[in-house]
Amino acid sequence: MIHVALYEPEIPPNTGNIMRLCANTGLTLHLIHPLGFQLDEKRLRRAGMDYRDMAPVTE
């Protein structure tokens, strides 16, 4: 299995897009703290189109 790691991500829309990519391809996403935003932030949800439940995300 392939894993994607984001080290201290700061831009919610980019993180949401990567989250969507991971959900669609079966990859696991690792978010390494500190994050520059809250995971429930509106811009993240809009970019990720609520794929958070479908993408395995670890913090």
Protein backbone atom coordinates (compact mmCIF):
# COMPACT_ATOMS: atom_id res chain seq x y z
CA MET A 1 0.00 0.00 0.00
CA ILE A 2 1.20 3.49 -0.82
CA HIS A 3 1.08 6.22 1.84
CA VAL A 4 1.03 9.98 1.28
CA ALA A 5 2.41 12.23 4.05
CA LEU A 6 1.89 15.99 4.29
CA TYR A 7 4.34 17.67 6.67
CA GLU A 8 2.76 20.66 8.41
CA PRO A 9 0.28 21.47 5.62
CA GLU A 10 -0.86 25.10 5.58
CA ILE A 11 -3.30 25.41 2.68
CA PRO A 12 -6.73 23.79 3.24
CA PRO A 13 -7.81 23.57 -0.43
CA ASN A 14 -4.59 21.77 -1.42
CA THR A 15 -4.96 19.35 1.48
CA GLY A 16 -8.59 18.73 0.51
CA ASN A 17 -7.59 17.97 -3.07
CA ILE A 18 -4.95 15.50 -1.89
CA MET A 19 -7.52 13.96 0.46
CA ARG A 20 -9.86 13.46 -2.50
CA LEU A 21 -7.02 11.90 -4.52
CA CYS A 22 -6.28 9.46 -1.69
CA ALA A 23 -9.96 8.53 -1.34
CA ASN A 24 -10.28 7.83 -5.07
CA THR A 25 -7.08 5.78 -5.35
CA GLY A 26 -7.15 3.90 -2.04
CA LEU A 27 -4.07 5.61 -0.60
CA THR A 28 -3.58 6.41 3.08
CA LEU A 29 -3.02 10.07 3.96
CA HIS A 30 -0.89 11.07 6.95
CA LEU A 31 -1.13 14.66 8.20
CA ILE A 32 1.89 15.62 10.30
CA HIS A 33 1.19 18.33 12.89
CA PRO A 34 1.03 21.21 13.39
CA LEU A 35 -1.58 21.88 10.75
CA GLY A 36 -2.11 25.43 9.52
CA PHE A 37 -5.90 24.99 9.75
CA GLN A 38 -8.64 22.98 11.44
CA LEU A 39 -9.75 19.75 9.78
CA ASP A 40 -13.36 20.92 9.91
CA GLU A 41 -12.55 24.18 8.14
CA LYS A 42 -15.01 25.11 5.38
CA ARG A 43 -12.33 25.54 2.68
CA LEU A 44 -10.99 22.04 3.38
CA ARG A 45 -14.45 20.48 3.15
CA ARG A 46 -15.22 22.31 -0.09
CA ALA A 47 -11.95 21.26 -1.78
CA GLY A 48 -12.14 17.70 -0.46
CA MET A 49 -15.87 17.52 -1.13
CA ASP A 50 -16.32 15.63 2.13
CA TYR A 51 -14.05 12.75 1.14
CA ARG A 52 -12.63 12.69 4.67
CA ASP A 53 -14.85 9.74 5.59
CA MET A 54 -13.68 7.79 2.54
CA ALA A 55 -9.93 8.48 2.83
CA PRO A 56 -7.94 6.85 5.62
CA VAL A 57 -6.40 9.90 7.34
CA THR A 58 -4.04 9.67 10.30
CA GLU A 59 -2.78 12.63 12.27
